[in-house]
N, C-alpha and C. Protein backbone atom coordinates (compact mmCIF):
# COMPACT_ATOMS: atom_id res chain seq x y z
N MET A 1 92.46 65.25 98.25
CA MET A 1 93.55 66.13 98.59
C MET A 1 94.81 65.77 97.81
N GLN A 2 94.97 64.53 97.48
CA GLN A 2 96.14 64.09 96.73
C GLN A 2 96.18 64.74 95.35
N LEU A 3 95.01 64.92 94.74
CA LEU A 3 94.95 65.53 93.41
C LEU A 3 95.57 66.92 93.43
N HIS A 4 95.26 67.71 94.44
CA HIS A 4 95.80 69.07 94.53
C HIS A 4 97.31 69.03 94.70
N SER A 5 97.80 68.13 95.52
CA SER A 5 99.22 68.01 95.75
C SER A 5 99.94 67.62 94.46
N ASP A 6 99.38 66.67 93.72
CA ASP A 6 99.98 66.25 92.45
C ASP A 6 99.96 67.38 91.44
N THR A 7 98.86 68.10 91.38
CA THR A 7 98.74 69.22 90.44
C THR A 7 99.76 70.30 90.76
N LEU A 8 99.91 70.61 92.03
CA LEU A 8 100.89 71.61 92.43
C LEU A 8 102.30 71.16 92.08
N THR A 9 102.61 69.91 92.34
CA THR A 9 103.94 69.38 92.02
C THR A 9 104.20 69.45 90.52
N LEU A 10 103.22 69.05 89.71
CA LEU A 10 103.38 69.13 88.25
C LEU A 10 103.57 70.57 87.79
N HIS A 11 102.80 71.48 88.35
CA HIS A 11 102.93 72.89 88.00
C HIS A 11 104.33 73.41 88.36
N ASN A 12 104.79 73.11 89.56
CA ASN A 12 106.11 73.57 89.99
C ASN A 12 107.21 73.03 89.10
N GLU A 13 107.11 71.77 88.71
CA GLU A 13 108.10 71.18 87.81
C GLU A 13 108.07 71.86 86.45
N TRP A 14 106.88 72.16 85.94
CA TRP A 14 106.76 72.83 84.65
C TRP A 14 107.43 74.21 84.71
N VAL A 15 107.16 74.95 85.80
CA VAL A 15 107.76 76.28 85.96
C VAL A 15 109.27 76.16 86.02
N LYS A 16 109.80 75.20 86.79
CA LYS A 16 111.25 75.02 86.89
C LYS A 16 111.86 74.74 85.51
N ASN A 17 111.18 73.91 84.72
CA ASN A 17 111.71 73.52 83.42
C ASN A 17 111.60 74.62 82.36
N HIS A 18 110.72 75.58 82.56
CA HIS A 18 110.50 76.60 81.55
C HIS A 18 111.00 77.99 81.95
N THR A 19 111.63 78.09 83.09
CA THR A 19 112.17 79.37 83.56
C THR A 19 113.66 79.40 83.27
N PRO A 20 114.15 80.50 82.69
CA PRO A 20 115.58 80.58 82.39
C PRO A 20 116.43 80.43 83.66
N PRO A 21 117.61 79.81 83.50
CA PRO A 21 118.52 79.68 84.66
C PRO A 21 118.84 81.05 85.25
N GLY A 22 118.90 81.11 86.56
CA GLY A 22 119.18 82.37 87.24
C GLY A 22 117.95 83.22 87.49
N LYS A 23 116.83 82.84 86.91
CA LYS A 23 115.59 83.60 87.09
C LYS A 23 114.61 82.89 88.01
N PHE A 24 114.90 81.64 88.33
CA PHE A 24 114.01 80.85 89.17
C PHE A 24 114.63 80.70 90.54
N HIS A 25 113.89 81.11 91.55
CA HIS A 25 114.39 81.05 92.92
C HIS A 25 113.37 80.36 93.80
N ILE A 26 113.86 79.52 94.68
CA ILE A 26 113.00 78.88 95.68
C ILE A 26 113.46 79.35 97.04
N ILE A 27 112.51 79.82 97.83
CA ILE A 27 112.83 80.21 99.20
C ILE A 27 111.85 79.53 100.15
N GLU A 28 112.28 79.35 101.36
CA GLU A 28 111.42 78.85 102.43
C GLU A 28 110.89 80.06 103.19
N LEU A 29 109.58 80.21 103.23
CA LEU A 29 109.01 81.37 103.90
C LEU A 29 109.37 81.42 105.38
N LYS A 30 109.62 80.26 105.97
CA LYS A 30 109.98 80.23 107.39
C LYS A 30 111.33 80.91 107.65
N ASP A 31 112.13 81.11 106.57
CA ASP A 31 113.44 81.75 106.74
C ASP A 31 113.35 83.27 106.81
N GLY A 32 112.16 83.82 106.56
CA GLY A 32 111.96 85.25 106.73
C GLY A 32 112.46 86.09 105.56
N TRP A 33 112.84 87.33 105.88
CA TRP A 33 113.20 88.31 104.87
C TRP A 33 114.52 88.04 104.16
N VAL A 34 115.50 87.48 104.85
CA VAL A 34 116.87 87.43 104.34
C VAL A 34 116.98 86.81 102.95
N PRO A 35 116.48 85.58 102.71
CA PRO A 35 116.64 85.02 101.35
C PRO A 35 115.94 85.84 100.28
N LEU A 36 114.74 86.35 100.59
CA LEU A 36 114.00 87.15 99.63
C LEU A 36 114.74 88.44 99.31
N CYS A 37 115.24 89.11 100.32
CA CYS A 37 115.97 90.36 100.11
C CYS A 37 117.28 90.14 99.36
N GLN A 38 117.93 89.00 99.57
CA GLN A 38 119.14 88.68 98.82
C GLN A 38 118.82 88.52 97.33
N ILE A 39 117.74 87.84 97.03
CA ILE A 39 117.33 87.64 95.63
C ILE A 39 117.00 88.98 94.98
N LEU A 40 116.28 89.82 95.71
CA LEU A 40 115.84 91.11 95.17
C LEU A 40 116.90 92.20 95.29
N ARG A 41 118.00 91.88 95.97
CA ARG A 41 119.08 92.84 96.22
C ARG A 41 118.55 94.10 96.91
N ARG A 42 117.80 93.87 97.96
CA ARG A 42 117.21 94.94 98.75
C ARG A 42 117.61 94.75 100.21
N PRO A 43 117.61 95.85 100.99
CA PRO A 43 117.91 95.69 102.41
C PRO A 43 116.79 94.96 103.14
N VAL A 44 117.15 94.30 104.20
CA VAL A 44 116.17 93.58 105.02
C VAL A 44 115.37 94.59 105.83
N PRO A 45 114.04 94.57 105.74
CA PRO A 45 113.22 95.53 106.50
C PRO A 45 113.30 95.29 108.01
N ASP A 46 112.97 96.32 108.74
CA ASP A 46 112.98 96.23 110.21
C ASP A 46 111.70 95.58 110.75
N CYS A 47 110.68 95.45 109.93
CA CYS A 47 109.42 94.88 110.39
C CYS A 47 109.46 93.34 110.28
N PRO A 48 108.63 92.66 111.07
CA PRO A 48 108.61 91.20 111.01
C PRO A 48 108.06 90.70 109.67
N PHE A 49 108.51 89.53 109.27
CA PHE A 49 108.05 88.93 108.02
C PHE A 49 106.59 88.54 108.18
N PRO A 50 105.73 88.88 107.21
CA PRO A 50 104.29 88.56 107.35
C PRO A 50 104.04 87.06 107.32
N LYS A 51 103.10 86.64 108.12
CA LYS A 51 102.73 85.22 108.20
C LYS A 51 101.24 85.11 107.95
N ALA A 52 100.83 85.29 106.71
CA ALA A 52 99.41 85.31 106.37
C ALA A 52 98.76 83.94 106.46
N ASN A 53 99.53 82.88 106.48
CA ASN A 53 98.94 81.55 106.50
C ASN A 53 98.89 80.91 107.88
N ASP A 54 99.26 81.66 108.91
CA ASP A 54 99.18 81.04 110.23
C ASP A 54 97.70 80.91 110.64
N ALA A 55 97.43 80.01 111.51
CA ALA A 55 96.05 79.64 111.86
C ALA A 55 95.26 80.82 112.42
N ASP A 56 95.87 81.65 113.24
CA ASP A 56 95.16 82.79 113.83
C ASP A 56 94.78 83.80 112.75
N ALA A 57 95.68 84.06 111.82
CA ALA A 57 95.38 85.02 110.75
C ALA A 57 94.26 84.50 109.86
N VAL A 58 94.29 83.21 109.55
CA VAL A 58 93.24 82.62 108.72
C VAL A 58 91.90 82.67 109.44
N ALA A 59 91.89 82.38 110.72
CA ALA A 59 90.65 82.42 111.50
C ALA A 59 90.09 83.85 111.54
N GLU A 60 90.96 84.83 111.75
CA GLU A 60 90.52 86.23 111.80
C GLU A 60 89.98 86.67 110.44
N LEU A 61 90.65 86.31 109.37
CA LEU A 61 90.18 86.66 108.03
C LEU A 61 88.83 86.00 107.75
N SER A 62 88.68 84.75 108.12
CA SER A 62 87.41 84.04 107.93
C SER A 62 86.28 84.74 108.68
N LYS A 63 86.57 85.17 109.90
CA LYS A 63 85.56 85.86 110.70
C LYS A 63 85.15 87.17 110.03
N ARG A 64 86.15 87.94 109.55
CA ARG A 64 85.83 89.22 108.90
C ARG A 64 85.01 89.00 107.63
N ILE A 65 85.37 87.99 106.84
CA ILE A 65 84.62 87.70 105.62
C ILE A 65 83.20 87.30 105.96
N PHE A 66 83.02 86.46 106.97
CA PHE A 66 81.69 86.02 107.39
C PHE A 66 80.82 87.21 107.80
N PHE A 67 81.35 88.09 108.65
CA PHE A 67 80.55 89.21 109.13
C PHE A 67 80.27 90.21 108.02
N ARG A 68 81.22 90.41 107.13
CA ARG A 68 80.98 91.32 106.00
C ARG A 68 79.87 90.76 105.11
N THR A 69 79.92 89.46 104.85
CA THR A 69 78.88 88.81 104.05
C THR A 69 77.53 88.89 104.75
N LEU A 70 77.52 88.66 106.05
CA LEU A 70 76.30 88.75 106.83
C LEU A 70 75.69 90.15 106.74
N MET A 71 76.52 91.18 106.81
CA MET A 71 76.02 92.55 106.73
C MET A 71 75.47 92.85 105.33
N VAL A 72 76.11 92.34 104.30
CA VAL A 72 75.61 92.55 102.94
C VAL A 72 74.24 91.92 102.78
N TRP A 73 74.08 90.68 103.24
CA TRP A 73 72.78 90.01 103.13
C TRP A 73 71.73 90.72 103.98
N PHE A 74 72.12 91.20 105.14
CA PHE A 74 71.18 91.95 105.98
C PHE A 74 70.70 93.20 105.24
N ALA A 75 71.63 93.92 104.60
CA ALA A 75 71.27 95.12 103.85
C ALA A 75 70.35 94.78 102.69
N ILE A 76 70.62 93.69 102.01
CA ILE A 76 69.78 93.27 100.88
C ILE A 76 68.36 92.98 101.35
N PHE A 77 68.22 92.18 102.41
CA PHE A 77 66.89 91.83 102.91
C PHE A 77 66.18 93.03 103.53
N ALA A 78 66.92 93.90 104.18
CA ALA A 78 66.30 95.11 104.74
C ALA A 78 65.79 96.00 103.61
N GLY A 79 66.57 96.15 102.56
CA GLY A 79 66.14 96.94 101.42
C GLY A 79 64.92 96.35 100.74
N LEU A 80 64.93 95.03 100.57
CA LEU A 80 63.76 94.37 99.97
C LEU A 80 62.53 94.52 100.85
N GLY A 81 62.72 94.40 102.16
CA GLY A 81 61.60 94.59 103.08
C GLY A 81 61.06 95.99 103.02
N LEU A 82 61.94 96.96 102.94
CA LEU A 82 61.51 98.35 102.84
C LEU A 82 60.75 98.60 101.54
N LEU A 83 61.25 98.06 100.44
CA LEU A 83 60.54 98.19 99.16
C LEU A 83 59.16 97.53 99.23
N PHE A 84 59.08 96.37 99.85
CA PHE A 84 57.81 95.68 100.01
C PHE A 84 56.82 96.55 100.78
N LEU A 85 57.29 97.14 101.88
CA LEU A 85 56.40 97.99 102.69
C LEU A 85 55.96 99.22 101.91
N VAL A 86 56.85 99.83 101.16
CA VAL A 86 56.50 101.01 100.38
C VAL A 86 55.43 100.66 99.37
N PHE A 87 55.61 99.56 98.65
CA PHE A 87 54.63 99.17 97.65
C PHE A 87 53.32 98.67 98.28
N TRP A 88 53.39 98.06 99.43
CA TRP A 88 52.21 97.53 100.12
C TRP A 88 51.30 98.66 100.57
N TYR A 89 51.91 99.72 101.11
CA TYR A 89 51.11 100.80 101.66
C TYR A 89 50.86 101.93 100.65
N SER A 90 51.29 101.79 99.41
CA SER A 90 51.03 102.87 98.45
C SER A 90 49.87 102.56 97.53
């Protein structure tokens, strides 16, 4: 896990060093819309700031990916089984 942290830190430092002044902005996502909207010079939306990395959202996404993958594999095996039966009885 340390390798990923070091890699991310090195990448962030490289970006800071190679981005023109005034073009590089750091915001804390926990602060919501306000800092982002100030940077973009846009009004703050009335909807809540998305939290895609919270544990419940990640768990729900994982569940949807798992079931979608399960359905794809089921369709593949069902199709193969159907092809087998067609060729077996023809």
